Amino acid sequence: ADMNDSGNGNLLEIPLFRTEEGRYLATSLGDPLIKGLTEVANQR
């Protein structure tokens, strides 16, 4: 949600993130993706 509000993407518009599969992705990949995307934004 923070990324979407900042104009960095429209991830919340993807229906997948409102499904059971989306919750699975969040719990499985949440930490590494958030940290990885943060580093991409910081180091460009």
PDB file of all heavy atoms in Angstrom:
ATOM      1  N   ALA A   1       0.821  -1.196   0.000  1.00  0.00           N
ATOM      2  CA  ALA A   1       0.000   0.000   0.000  1.00  0.00           C
ATOM      3  C   ALA A   1       0.859   1.251   0.000  1.00  0.00           C
ATOM      4  O   ALA A   1       0.583   2.231  -0.700  1.00  0.00           O
ATOM      5  CB  ALA A   1      -0.929  -0.012   1.220  1.00  0.00           C
ATOM      6  N   ASP A   2       1.936   1.240   0.804  1.00  0.00           N
ATOM      7  CA  ASP A   2       2.840   2.385   0.848  1.00  0.00           C
ATOM      8  C   ASP A   2       3.456   2.639  -0.506  1.00  0.00           C
ATOM      9  O   ASP A   2       3.568   3.778  -0.961  1.00  0.00           O
ATOM     10  CB  ASP A   2       3.951   2.132   1.887  1.00  0.00           C
ATOM     11  CG  ASP A   2       3.392   2.131   3.315  1.00  0.00           C
ATOM     12  OD1 ASP A   2       2.278   2.667   3.510  1.00  0.00           O
ATOM     13  OD2 ASP A   2       4.076   1.591   4.197  1.00  0.00           O
ATOM     14  N   MET A   3       3.881   1.542  -1.183  1.00  0.00           N
ATOM     15  CA  MET A   3       4.496   1.695  -2.498  1.00  0.00           C
ATOM     16  C   MET A   3       3.493   2.254  -3.491  1.00  0.00           C
ATOM     17  O   MET A   3       3.810   3.097  -4.315  1.00  0.00           O
ATOM     18  CB  MET A   3       5.030   0.352  -2.991  1.00  0.00           C
ATOM     19  CG  MET A   3       6.217  -0.168  -2.200  1.00  0.00           C
ATOM     20  SD  MET A   3       6.725  -1.771  -2.796  1.00  0.00           S
ATOM     21  CE  MET A   3       7.167  -1.353  -4.461  1.00  0.00           C
ATOM     22  N   ASN A   4       2.262   1.799  -3.389  1.00  0.00           N
ATOM     23  CA  ASN A   4       1.241   2.259  -4.321  1.00  0.00           C
ATOM     24  C   ASN A   4       0.952   3.742  -4.111  1.00  0.00           C
ATOM     25  O   ASN A   4       0.789   4.514  -5.051  1.00  0.00           O
ATOM     26  CB  ASN A   4      -0.033   1.439  -4.129  1.00  0.00           C
ATOM     27  CG  ASN A   4      -0.976   1.519  -5.317  1.00  0.00           C
ATOM     28  OD1 ASN A   4      -0.559   1.269  -6.439  1.00  0.00           O
ATOM     29  ND2 ASN A   4      -2.219   1.860  -5.065  1.00  0.00           N
ATOM     30  N   ASP A   5       0.888   4.153  -2.832  1.00  0.00           N
ATOM     31  CA  ASP A   5       0.619   5.553  -2.533  1.00  0.00           C
ATOM     32  C   ASP A   5       1.744   6.452  -3.000  1.00  0.00           C
ATOM     33  O   ASP A   5       1.544   7.624  -3.309  1.00  0.00           O
ATOM     34  CB  ASP A   5       0.427   5.732  -1.023  1.00  0.00           C
ATOM     35  CG  ASP A   5      -0.865   5.058  -0.541  1.00  0.00           C
ATOM     36  OD1 ASP A   5      -1.733   4.797  -1.406  1.00  0.00           O
ATOM     37  OD2 ASP A   5      -0.987   4.794   0.672  1.00  0.00           O
ATOM     38  N   SER A   6       2.960   5.892  -3.060  1.00  0.00           N
ATOM     39  CA  SER A   6       4.107   6.693  -3.471  1.00  0.00           C
ATOM     40  C   SER A   6       4.254   6.777  -4.969  1.00  0.00           C
ATOM     41  O   SER A   6       5.187   7.386  -5.480  1.00  0.00           O
ATOM     42  CB  SER A   6       5.397   6.090  -2.879  1.00  0.00           C
ATOM     43  OG  SER A   6       5.306   6.053  -1.466  1.00  0.00           O
ATOM     44  N   GLY A   7       3.371   6.091  -5.690  1.00  0.00           N
ATOM     45  CA  GLY A   7       3.432   6.155  -7.150  1.00  0.00           C
ATOM     46  C   GLY A   7       4.441   5.241  -7.755  1.00  0.00           C
ATOM     47  O   GLY A   7       4.851   5.409  -8.902  1.00  0.00           O
ATOM     48  N   ASN A   8       4.889   4.231  -6.992  1.00  0.00           N
ATOM     49  CA  ASN A   8       5.921   3.322  -7.507  1.00  0.00           C
ATOM     50  C   ASN A   8       5.342   2.076  -8.152  1.00  0.00           C
ATOM     51  O   ASN A   8       6.045   1.129  -8.436  1.00  0.00           O
ATOM     52  CB  ASN A   8       6.858   2.903  -6.354  1.00  0.00           C
ATOM     53  CG  ASN A   8       7.695   4.067  -5.882  1.00  0.00           C
ATOM     54  OD1 ASN A   8       7.975   4.967  -6.667  1.00  0.00           O
ATOM     55  ND2 ASN A   8       8.057   4.062  -4.605  1.00  0.00           N
ATOM     56  N   GLY A   9       4.050   2.002  -8.329  1.00  0.00           N
ATOM     57  CA  GLY A   9       3.487   0.809  -8.973  1.00  0.00           C
ATOM     58  C   GLY A   9       2.016   0.694  -8.662  1.00  0.00           C
ATOM     59  O   GLY A   9       1.464   1.476  -7.885  1.00  0.00           O
ATOM     60  N   ASN A  10       1.381  -0.276  -9.275  1.00  0.00           N
ATOM     61  CA  ASN A  10      -0.039  -0.506  -9.060  1.00  0.00           C
ATOM     62  C   ASN A  10      -0.285  -1.935  -8.605  1.00  0.00           C
ATOM     63  O   ASN A  10      -1.194  -2.600  -9.068  1.00  0.00           O
ATOM     64  CB  ASN A  10      -0.819  -0.242 -10.357  1.00  0.00           C
ATOM     65  CG  ASN A  10      -0.740   1.212 -10.751  1.00  0.00           C
ATOM     66  OD1 ASN A  10      -0.963   2.089  -9.919  1.00  0.00           O
ATOM     67  ND2 ASN A  10      -0.436   1.459 -12.009  1.00  0.00           N
ATOM     68  N   LEU A  11       0.555  -2.399  -7.667  1.00  0.00           N
ATOM     69  CA  LEU A  11       0.460  -3.790  -7.250  1.00  0.00           C
ATOM     70  C   LEU A  11      -0.889  -4.120  -6.626  1.00  0.00           C
ATOM     71  O   LEU A  11      -1.394  -5.213  -6.772  1.00  0.00           O
ATOM     72  CB  LEU A  11       1.581  -4.106  -6.234  1.00  0.00           C
ATOM     73  CG  LEU A  11       2.999  -4.070  -6.805  1.00  0.00           C
ATOM     74  CD1 LEU A  11       4.002  -4.338  -5.703  1.00  0.00           C
ATOM     75  CD2 LEU A  11       3.152  -5.096  -7.917  1.00  0.00           C
ATOM     76  N   LEU A  12      -1.492  -3.139  -5.928  1.00  0.00           N
ATOM     77  CA  LEU A  12      -2.748  -3.432  -5.270  1.00  0.00           C
ATOM     78  C   LEU A  12      -3.890  -3.639  -6.249  1.00  0.00           C
ATOM     79  O   LEU A  12      -4.946  -4.118  -5.889  1.00  0.00           O
ATOM     80  CB  LEU A  12      -3.105  -2.295  -4.299  1.00  0.00           C
ATOM     81  CG  LEU A  12      -2.200  -2.192  -3.060  1.00  0.00           C
ATOM     82  CD1 LEU A  12      -2.661  -1.063  -2.178  1.00  0.00           C
ATOM     83  CD2 LEU A  12      -2.190  -3.490  -2.294  1.00  0.00           C
ATOM     84  N   GLU A  13      -3.667  -3.259  -7.508  1.00  0.00           N
ATOM     85  CA  GLU A  13      -4.708  -3.448  -8.501  1.00  0.00           C
ATOM     86  C   GLU A  13      -4.736  -4.871  -9.059  1.00  0.00           C
ATOM     87  O   GLU A  13      -5.628  -5.244  -9.789  1.00  0.00           O
ATOM     88  CB  GLU A  13      -4.503  -2.464  -9.663  1.00  0.00           C
ATOM     89  CG  GLU A  13      -4.592  -1.001  -9.233  1.00  0.00           C
ATOM     90  CD  GLU A  13      -5.929  -0.687  -8.575  1.00  0.00           C
ATOM     91  OE1 GLU A  13      -6.961  -1.167  -9.087  1.00  0.00           O
ATOM     92  OE2 GLU A  13      -5.945   0.007  -7.555  1.00  0.00           O
ATOM     93  N   ILE A  14      -3.722  -5.652  -8.705  1.00  0.00           N
ATOM     94  CA  ILE A  14      -3.660  -7.027  -9.202  1.00  0.00           C
ATOM     95  C   ILE A  14      -4.579  -7.895  -8.351  1.00  0.00           C
ATOM     96  O   ILE A  14      -4.392  -7.995  -7.135  1.00  0.00           O
ATOM     97  CB  ILE A  14      -2.217  -7.567  -9.136  1.00  0.00           C
ATOM     98  CG1 ILE A  14      -1.297  -6.676  -9.965  1.00  0.00           C
ATOM     99  CG2 ILE A  14      -2.167  -9.007  -9.627  1.00  0.00           C
ATOM    100  CD1 ILE A  14       0.155  -7.065  -9.894  1.00  0.00           C
ATOM    101  N   PRO A  15      -5.591  -8.538  -8.932  1.00  0.00           N
ATOM    102  CA  PRO A  15      -6.553  -9.325  -8.149  1.00  0.00           C
ATOM    103  C   PRO A  15      -5.899 -10.421  -7.323  1.00  0.00           C
ATOM    104  O   PRO A  15      -6.424 -10.811  -6.295  1.00  0.00           O
ATOM    105  CB  PRO A  15      -7.478  -9.912  -9.222  1.00  0.00           C
ATOM    106  CG  PRO A  15      -7.331  -9.004 -10.387  1.00  0.00           C
ATOM    107  CD  PRO A  15      -5.920  -8.508 -10.357  1.00  0.00           C
ATOM    108  N   LEU A  16      -4.735 -10.921  -7.757  1.00  0.00           N
ATOM    109  CA  LEU A  16      -4.083 -12.028  -7.067  1.00  0.00           C
ATOM    110  C   LEU A  16      -3.879 -11.734  -5.595  1.00  0.00           C
ATOM    111  O   LEU A  16      -4.003 -12.601  -4.746  1.00  0.00           O
ATOM    112  CB  LEU A  16      -2.737 -12.333  -7.736  1.00  0.00           C
ATOM    113  CG  LEU A  16      -1.842 -13.370  -7.048  1.00  0.00           C
ATOM    114  CD1 LEU A  16      -2.539 -14.720  -7.053  1.00  0.00           C
ATOM    115  CD2 LEU A  16      -0.499 -13.452  -7.727  1.00  0.00           C
ATOM    116  N   PHE A  17      -3.563 -10.460  -5.250  1.00  0.00           N
ATOM    117  CA  PHE A  17      -3.227 -10.137  -3.878  1.00  0.00           C
ATOM    118  C   PHE A  17      -4.447 -10.112  -2.954  1.00  0.00           C
ATOM    119  O   PHE A  17      -4.314  -9.891  -1.764  1.00  0.00           O
ATOM    120  CB  PHE A  17      -2.484  -8.797  -3.815  1.00  0.00           C
ATOM    121  CG  PHE A  17      -1.093  -8.896  -4.356  1.00  0.00           C
ATOM    122  CD1 PHE A  17      -0.821  -8.558  -5.671  1.00  0.00           C
ATOM    123  CD2 PHE A  17      -0.072  -9.389  -3.573  1.00  0.00           C
ATOM    124  CE1 PHE A  17       0.457  -8.661  -6.172  1.00  0.00           C
ATOM    125  CE2 PHE A  17       1.209  -9.504  -4.071  1.00  0.00           C
ATOM    126  CZ  PHE A  17       1.480  -9.149  -5.376  1.00  0.00           C
ATOM    127  N   ARG A  18      -5.628 -10.323  -3.515  1.00  0.00           N
ATOM    128  CA  ARG A  18      -6.816 -10.397  -2.675  1.00  0.00           C
ATOM    129  C   ARG A  18      -7.294 -11.840  -2.522  1.00  0.00           C
ATOM    130  O   ARG A  18      -8.348 -12.082  -1.961  1.00  0.00           O
ATOM    131  CB  ARG A  18      -7.934  -9.538  -3.289  1.00  0.00           C
ATOM    132  CG  ARG A  18      -7.599  -8.055  -3.321  1.00  0.00           C
ATOM    133  CD  ARG A  18      -8.848  -7.248  -3.610  1.00  0.00           C
ATOM    134  NE  ARG A  18      -9.371  -7.506  -4.948  1.00  0.00           N
ATOM    135  CZ  ARG A  18      -9.004  -6.816  -6.027  1.00  0.00           C
ATOM    136  NH1 ARG A  18      -8.117  -5.843  -5.920  1.00  0.00           N
ATOM    137  NH2 ARG A  18      -9.520  -7.082  -7.212  1.00  0.00           N
ATOM    138  N   THR A  19      -6.528 -12.795  -3.034  1.00  0.00           N
ATOM    139  CA  THR A  19      -6.926 -14.199  -2.994  1.00  0.00           C
ATOM    140  C   THR A  19      -6.084 -14.975  -1.995  1.00  0.00           C
ATOM    141  O   THR A  19      -5.116 -14.458  -1.423  1.00  0.00           O
ATOM    142  CB  THR A  19      -6.742 -14.839  -4.383  1.00  0.00           C
ATOM    143  OG1 THR A  19      -5.337 -14.848  -4.690  1.00  0.00           O
ATOM    144  CG2 THR A  19      -7.506 -14.063  -5.443  1.00  0.00           C
ATOM    145  N   GLU A  20      -6.442 -16.247  -1.806  1.00  0.00           N
ATOM    146  CA  GLU A  20      -5.655 -17.113  -0.926  1.00  0.00           C
ATOM    147  C   GLU A  20      -4.240 -17.267  -1.451  1.00  0.00           C
ATOM    148  O   GLU A  20      -3.276 -17.305  -0.676  1.00  0.00           O
ATOM    149  CB  GLU A  20      -6.329 -18.483  -0.838  1.00  0.00           C
ATOM    150  CG  GLU A  20      -5.598 -19.465   0.072  1.00  0.00           C
ATOM    151  CD  GLU A  20      -6.264 -20.819   0.116  1.00  0.00           C
ATOM    152  OE1 GLU A  20      -7.379 -20.935  -0.417  1.00  0.00           O
ATOM    153  OE2 GLU A  20      -5.670 -21.749   0.694  1.00  0.00           O
ATOM    154  N   GLU A  21      -4.110 -17.337  -2.807  1.00  0.00           N
ATOM    155  CA  GLU A  21      -2.781 -17.439  -3.398  1.00  0.00           C
ATOM    156  C   GLU A  21      -1.956 -16.193  -3.071  1.00  0.00           C
ATOM    157  O   GLU A  21      -0.749 -16.252  -2.843  1.00  0.00           O
ATOM    158  CB  GLU A  21      -2.886 -17.613  -4.917  1.00  0.00           C
ATOM    159  CG  GLU A  21      -3.390 -18.972  -5.362  1.00  0.00           C
ATOM    160  CD  GLU A  21      -4.888 -19.090  -5.292  1.00  0.00           C
ATOM    161  OE1 GLU A  21      -5.538 -18.079  -4.929  1.00  0.00           O
ATOM    162  OE2 GLU A  21      -5.418 -20.171  -5.604  1.00  0.00           O
ATOM    163  N   GLY A  22      -2.639 -15.039  -3.062  1.00  0.00           N
ATOM    164  CA  GLY A  22      -1.939 -13.800  -2.738  1.00  0.00           C
ATOM    165  C   GLY A  22      -1.430 -13.793  -1.311  1.00  0.00           C
ATOM    166  O   GLY A  22      -0.317 -13.342  -1.027  1.00  0.00           O
ATOM    167  N   ARG A  23      -2.254 -14.301  -0.394  1.00  0.00           N
ATOM    168  CA  ARG A  23      -1.811 -14.369   1.004  1.00  0.00           C
ATOM    169  C   ARG A  23      -0.636 -15.320   1.148  1.00  0.00           C
ATOM    170  O   ARG A  23       0.280 -15.087   1.937  1.00  0.00           O
ATOM    171  CB  ARG A  23      -2.985 -14.816   1.886  1.00  0.00           C
ATOM    172  CG  ARG A  23      -4.072 -13.747   2.013  1.00  0.00           C
ATOM    173  CD  ARG A  23      -5.095 -14.122   3.091  1.00  0.00           C
ATOM    174  NE  ARG A  23      -5.890 -15.283   2.712  1.00  0.00           N
ATOM    175  CZ  ARG A  23      -6.997 -15.198   1.981  1.00  0.00           C
ATOM    176  NH1 ARG A  23      -7.427 -14.025   1.550  1.00  0.00           N
ATOM    177  NH2 ARG A  23      -7.693 -16.291   1.685  1.00  0.00           N
ATOM    178  N   TYR A  24      -0.671 -16.398   0.355  1.00  0.00           N
ATOM    179  CA  TYR A  24       0.468 -17.328   0.380  1.00  0.00           C
ATOM    180  C   TYR A  24       1.742 -16.639  -0.095  1.00  0.00           C
ATOM    181  O   TYR A  24       2.808 -16.768   0.499  1.00  0.00           O
ATOM    182  CB  TYR A  24       0.166 -18.540  -0.508  1.00  0.00           C
ATOM    183  CG  TYR A  24       1.393 -19.323  -0.884  1.00  0.00           C
ATOM    184  CD1 TYR A  24       2.025 -20.134   0.042  1.00  0.00           C
ATOM    185  CD2 TYR A  24       1.936 -19.229  -2.151  1.00  0.00           C
ATOM    186  CE1 TYR A  24       3.170 -20.828  -0.290  1.00  0.00           C
ATOM    187  CE2 TYR A  24       3.078 -19.922  -2.493  1.00  0.00           C
ATOM    188  CZ  TYR A  24       3.687 -20.720  -1.557  1.00  0.00           C
ATOM    189  OH  TYR A  24       4.822 -21.406  -1.880  1.00  0.00           O
ATOM    190  N   LEU A  25       1.633 -15.873  -1.201  1.00  0.00           N
ATOM    191  CA  LEU A  25       2.801 -15.157  -1.712  1.00  0.00           C
ATOM    192  C   LEU A  25       3.318 -14.158  -0.692  1.00  0.00           C
ATOM    193  O   LEU A  25       4.530 -13.973  -0.531  1.00  0.00           O
ATOM    194  CB  LEU A  25       2.437 -14.440  -3.020  1.00  0.00           C
ATOM    195  CG  LEU A  25       2.175 -15.336  -4.237  1.00  0.00           C
ATOM    196  CD1 LEU A  25       1.697 -14.489  -5.406  1.00  0.00           C
ATOM    197  CD2 LEU A  25       3.425 -16.102  -4.621  1.00  0.00           C
ATOM    198  N   ALA A  26       2.394 -13.505  -0.003  1.00  0.00           N
ATOM    199  CA  ALA A  26       2.808 -12.508   0.976  1.00  0.00           C
ATOM    200  C   ALA A  26       3.588 -13.138   2.116  1.00  0.00           C
ATOM    201  O   ALA A  26       4.642 -12.638   2.516  1.00  0.00           O
ATOM    202  CB  ALA A  26       1.579 -11.772   1.518  1.00  0.00           C
ATOM    203  N   THR A  27       3.085 -14.262   2.642  1.00  0.00           N
ATOM    204  CA  THR A  27       3.768 -14.886   3.766  1.00  0.00           C
ATOM    205  C   THR A  27       5.071 -15.552   3.344  1.00  0.00           C
ATOM    206  O   THR A  27       6.015 -15.636   4.113  1.00  0.00           O
ATOM    207  CB  THR A  27       2.851 -15.939   4.434  1.00  0.00           C
ATOM    208  OG1 THR A  27       2.418 -16.887   3.452  1.00  0.00           O
ATOM    209  CG2 THR A  27       1.629 -15.269   5.049  1.00  0.00           C
ATOM    210  N   SER A  28       5.128 -16.051   2.103  1.00  0.00           N
ATOM    211  CA  SER A  28       6.325 -16.762   1.639  1.00  0.00           C
ATOM    212  C   SER A  28       7.418 -15.822   1.154  1.00  0.00           C
ATOM    213  O   SER A  28       8.600 -16.062   1.376  1.00  0.00           O
ATOM    214  CB  SER A  28       5.957 -17.729   0.503  1.00  0.00           C
ATOM    215  OG  SER A  28       5.024 -18.675   0.929  1.00  0.00           O
ATOM    216  N   LEU A  29       7.014 -14.734   0.465  1.00  0.00           N
ATOM    217  CA  LEU A  29       7.984 -13.873  -0.207  1.00  0.00           C
ATOM    218  C   LEU A  29       8.010 -12.449   0.313  1.00  0.00           C
ATOM    219  O   LEU A  29       8.768 -11.623  -0.190  1.00  0.00           O
ATOM    220  CB  LEU A  29       7.681 -13.841  -1.719  1.00  0.00           C
ATOM    221  CG  LEU A  29       7.654 -15.195  -2.432  1.00  0.00           C
ATOM    222  CD1 LEU A  29       7.244 -15.007  -3.881  1.00  0.00           C
ATOM    223  CD2 LEU A  29       9.005 -15.862  -2.359  1.00  0.00           C
ATOM    224  N   GLY A  30       7.166 -12.166   1.306  1.00  0.00           N
ATOM    225  CA  GLY A  30       7.050 -10.791   1.776  1.00  0.00           C
ATOM    226  C   GLY A  30       8.360 -10.167   2.199  1.00  0.00           C
ATOM    227  O   GLY A  30       8.760  -9.104   1.699  1.00  0.00           O
ATOM    228  N   ASP A  31       9.070 -10.805   3.143  1.00  0.00           N
ATOM    229  CA  ASP A  31      10.304 -10.231   3.679  1.00  0.00           C
ATOM    230  C   ASP A  31      11.368  -9.986   2.612  1.00  0.00           C
ATOM    231  O   ASP A  31      11.877  -8.871   2.481  1.00  0.00           O
ATOM    232  CB  ASP A  31      10.869 -11.145   4.778  1.00  0.00           C
ATOM    233  CG  ASP A  31      10.072 -11.024   6.062  1.00  0.00           C
ATOM    234  OD1 ASP A  31       9.260 -10.078   6.165  1.00  0.00           O
ATOM    235  OD2 ASP A  31      10.252 -11.865   6.955  1.00  0.00           O
ATOM    236  N   PRO A  32      11.753 -11.022   1.821  1.00  0.00           N
ATOM    237  CA  PRO A  32      12.816 -10.779   0.841  1.00  0.00           C
ATOM    238  C   PRO A  32      12.429  -9.760  -0.230  1.00  0.00           C
ATOM    239  O   PRO A  32      13.266  -8.958  -0.642  1.00  0.00           O
ATOM    240  CB  PRO A  32      13.061 -12.164   0.224  1.00  0.00           C
ATOM    241  CG  PRO A  32      11.843 -12.951   0.524  1.00  0.00           C
ATOM    242  CD  PRO A  32      11.331 -12.445   1.819  1.00  0.00           C
ATOM    243  N   LEU A  33      11.162  -9.769  -0.668  1.00  0.00           N
ATOM    244  CA  LEU A  33      10.768  -8.827  -1.715  1.00  0.00           C
ATOM    245  C   LEU A  33      10.760  -7.389  -1.210  1.00  0.00           C
ATOM    246  O   LEU A  33      11.215  -6.470  -1.895  1.00  0.00           O
ATOM    247  CB  LEU A  33       9.388  -9.199  -2.259  1.00  0.00           C
ATOM    248  CG  LEU A  33       9.360 -10.299  -3.330  1.00  0.00           C
ATOM    249  CD1 LEU A  33       7.933 -10.574  -3.767  1.00  0.00           C
ATOM    250  CD2 LEU A  33      10.205  -9.908  -4.533  1.00  0.00           C
ATOM    251  N   ILE A  34      10.234  -7.186   0.002  1.00  0.00           N
ATOM    252  CA  ILE A  34      10.199  -5.831   0.556  1.00  0.00           C
ATOM    253  C   ILE A  34      11.614  -5.284   0.707  1.00  0.00           C
ATOM    254  O   ILE A  34      11.918  -4.151   0.317  1.00  0.00           O
ATOM    255  CB  ILE A  34       9.470  -5.833   1.917  1.00  0.00           C
ATOM    256  CG1 ILE A  34       7.978  -6.089   1.704  1.00  0.00           C
ATOM    257  CG2 ILE A  34       9.665  -4.494   2.630  1.00  0.00           C
ATOM    258  CD1 ILE A  34       7.205  -6.322   2.985  1.00  0.00           C
ATOM    259  N   LYS A  35      12.516  -6.117   1.274  1.00  0.00           N
ATOM    260  CA  LYS A  35      13.895  -5.669   1.465  1.00  0.00           C
ATOM    261  C   LYS A  35      14.601  -5.444   0.134  1.00  0.00           C
ATOM    262  O   LYS A  35      15.348  -4.484  -0.039  1.00  0.00           O
ATOM    263  CB  LYS A  35      14.653  -6.698   2.308  1.00  0.00           C
ATOM    264  CG  LYS A  35      14.148  -6.778   3.746  1.00  0.00           C
ATOM    265  CD  LYS A  35      14.865  -7.869   4.535  1.00  0.00           C
ATOM    266  CE  LYS A  35      14.321  -7.951   5.953  1.00  0.00           C
ATOM    267  NZ  LYS A  35      14.962  -9.046   6.733  1.00  0.00           N
ATOM    268  N   GLY A  36      14.350  -6.374  -0.826  1.00  0.00           N
ATOM    269  CA  GLY A  36      14.987  -6.236  -2.131  1.00  0.00           C
ATOM    270  C   GLY A  36      14.529  -5.002  -2.868  1.00  0.00           C
ATOM    271  O   GLY A  36      15.338  -4.255  -3.440  1.00  0.00           O
ATOM    272  N   LEU A  37      13.222  -4.746  -2.860  1.00  0.00           N
ATOM    273  CA  LEU A  37      12.692  -3.566  -3.543  1.00  0.00           C
ATOM    274  C   LEU A  37      13.173  -2.284  -2.876  1.00  0.00           C
ATOM    275  O   LEU A  37      13.405  -1.259  -3.545  1.00  0.00           O
ATOM    276  CB  LEU A  37      11.163  -3.623  -3.564  1.00  0.00           C
ATOM    277  CG  LEU A  37      10.556  -4.721  -4.443  1.00  0.00           C
ATOM    278  CD1 LEU A  37       9.044  -4.802  -4.230  1.00  0.00           C
ATOM    279  CD2 LEU A  37      10.862  -4.481  -5.913  1.00  0.00           C
ATOM    280  N   THR A  38      13.327  -2.330  -1.551  1.00  0.00           N
ATOM    281  CA  THR A  38      13.851  -1.162  -0.843  1.00  0.00           C
ATOM    282  C   THR A  38      15.267  -0.844  -1.290  1.00  0.00           C
ATOM    283  O   THR A  38      15.631   0.321  -1.511  1.00  0.00           O
ATOM    284  CB  THR A  38      13.827  -1.407   0.676  1.00  0.00           C
ATOM    285  OG1 THR A  38      12.476  -1.641   1.095  1.00  0.00           O
ATOM    286  CG2 THR A  38      14.384  -0.205   1.429  1.00  0.00           C
ATOM    287  N   GLU A  39      16.098  -1.889  -1.453  1.00  0.00           N
ATOM    288  CA  GLU A  39      17.474  -1.675  -1.897  1.00  0.00           C
ATOM    289  C   GLU A  39      17.519  -1.159  -3.326  1.00  0.00           C
ATOM    290  O   GLU A  39      18.356  -0.319  -3.673  1.00  0.00           O
ATOM    291  CB  GLU A  39      18.277  -2.978  -1.779  1.00  0.00           C
ATOM    292  CG  GLU A  39      18.567  -3.405  -0.342  1.00  0.00           C
ATOM    293  CD  GLU A  39      19.349  -2.349   0.412  1.00  0.00           C
ATOM    294  OE1 GLU A  39      20.165  -1.655  -0.222  1.00  0.00           O
ATOM    295  OE2 GLU A  39      19.131  -2.213   1.617  1.00  0.00           O
ATOM    296  N   VAL A  40      16.609  -1.654  -4.184  1.00  0.00           N
ATOM    297  CA  VAL A  40      16.547  -1.146  -5.555  1.00  0.00           C
ATOM    298  C   VAL A  40      16.235   0.341  -5.549  1.00  0.00           C
ATOM    299  O   VAL A  40      16.861   1.134  -6.266  1.00  0.00           O
ATOM    300  CB  VAL A  40      15.477  -1.918  -6.369  1.00  0.00           C
ATOM    301  CG1 VAL A  40      15.242  -1.236  -7.718  1.00  0.00           C
ATOM    302  CG2 VAL A  40      15.910  -3.362  -6.595  1.00  0.00           C
ATOM    303  N   ALA A  41      15.261   0.737  -4.709  1.00  0.00           N
ATOM    304  CA  ALA A  41      14.882   2.155  -4.633  1.00  0.00           C
ATOM    305  C   ALA A  41      16.013   3.012  -4.091  1.00  0.00           C
ATOM    306  O   ALA A  41      16.230   4.144  -4.538  1.00  0.00           O
ATOM    307  CB  ALA A  41      13.640   2.311  -3.758  1.00  0.00           C
ATOM    308  N   ASN A  42      16.764   2.468  -3.119  1.00  0.00           N
ATOM    309  CA  ASN A  42      17.847   3.261  -2.508  1.00  0.00           C
ATOM    310  C   ASN A  42      19.060   3.387  -3.417  1.00  0.00           C
ATOM    311  O   ASN A  42      19.676   4.454  -3.517  1.00  0.00           O
ATOM    312  CB  ASN A  42      18.272   2.610  -1.183  1.00  0.00           C
ATOM    313  CG  ASN A  42      17.204   2.751  -0.106  1.00  0.00           C
ATOM    314  OD1 ASN A  42      16.352   3.638  -0.188  1.00  0.00           O
ATOM    315  ND2 ASN A  42      17.237   1.889   0.902  1.00  0.00           N
ATOM    316  N   GLN A  43      19.420   2.280  -4.110  1.00  0.00           N
ATOM    317  CA  GLN A  43      20.654   2.297  -4.888  1.00  0.00           C
ATOM    318  C   GLN A  43      20.449   2.657  -6.351  1.00  0.00           C
ATOM    319  O   GLN A  43      21.401   3.023  -7.037  1.00  0.00           O
ATOM    320  CB  GLN A  43      21.332   0.916  -4.788  1.00  0.00           C
ATOM    321  CG  GLN A  43      21.714   0.562  -3.354  1.00  0.00           C
ATOM    322  CD  GLN A  43      22.867  -0.411  -3.301  1.00  0.00           C
ATOM    323  OE1 GLN A  43      23.591  -0.594  -4.270  1.00  0.00           O
ATOM    324  NE2 GLN A  43      23.049  -1.037  -2.144  1.00  0.00           N
ATOM    325  N   ARG A  44      19.222   2.513  -6.858  1.00  0.00           N
ATOM    326  CA  ARG A  44      18.908   2.847  -8.247  1.00  0.00           C
ATOM    327  C   ARG A  44      19.951   2.281  -9.220  1.00  0.00           C
ATOM    328  O   ARG A  44      20.639   3.032  -9.926  1.00  0.00           O
ATOM    329  CB  ARG A  44      18.797   4.362  -8.427  1.00  0.00           C
ATOM    330  CG  ARG A  44      17.679   4.978  -7.597  1.00  0.00           C
ATOM    331  CD  ARG A  44      17.571   6.476  -7.806  1.00  0.00           C
ATOM    332  NE  ARG A  44      16.513   7.035  -7.001  1.00  0.00           N
ATOM    333  CZ  ARG A  44      15.228   7.063  -7.346  1.00  0.00           C
ATOM    334  NH1 ARG A  44      14.877   6.553  -8.517  1.00  0.00           N
ATOM    335  NH2 ARG A  44      14.312   7.578  -6.549  1.00  0.00           N
TER     336      ARG A  44
END
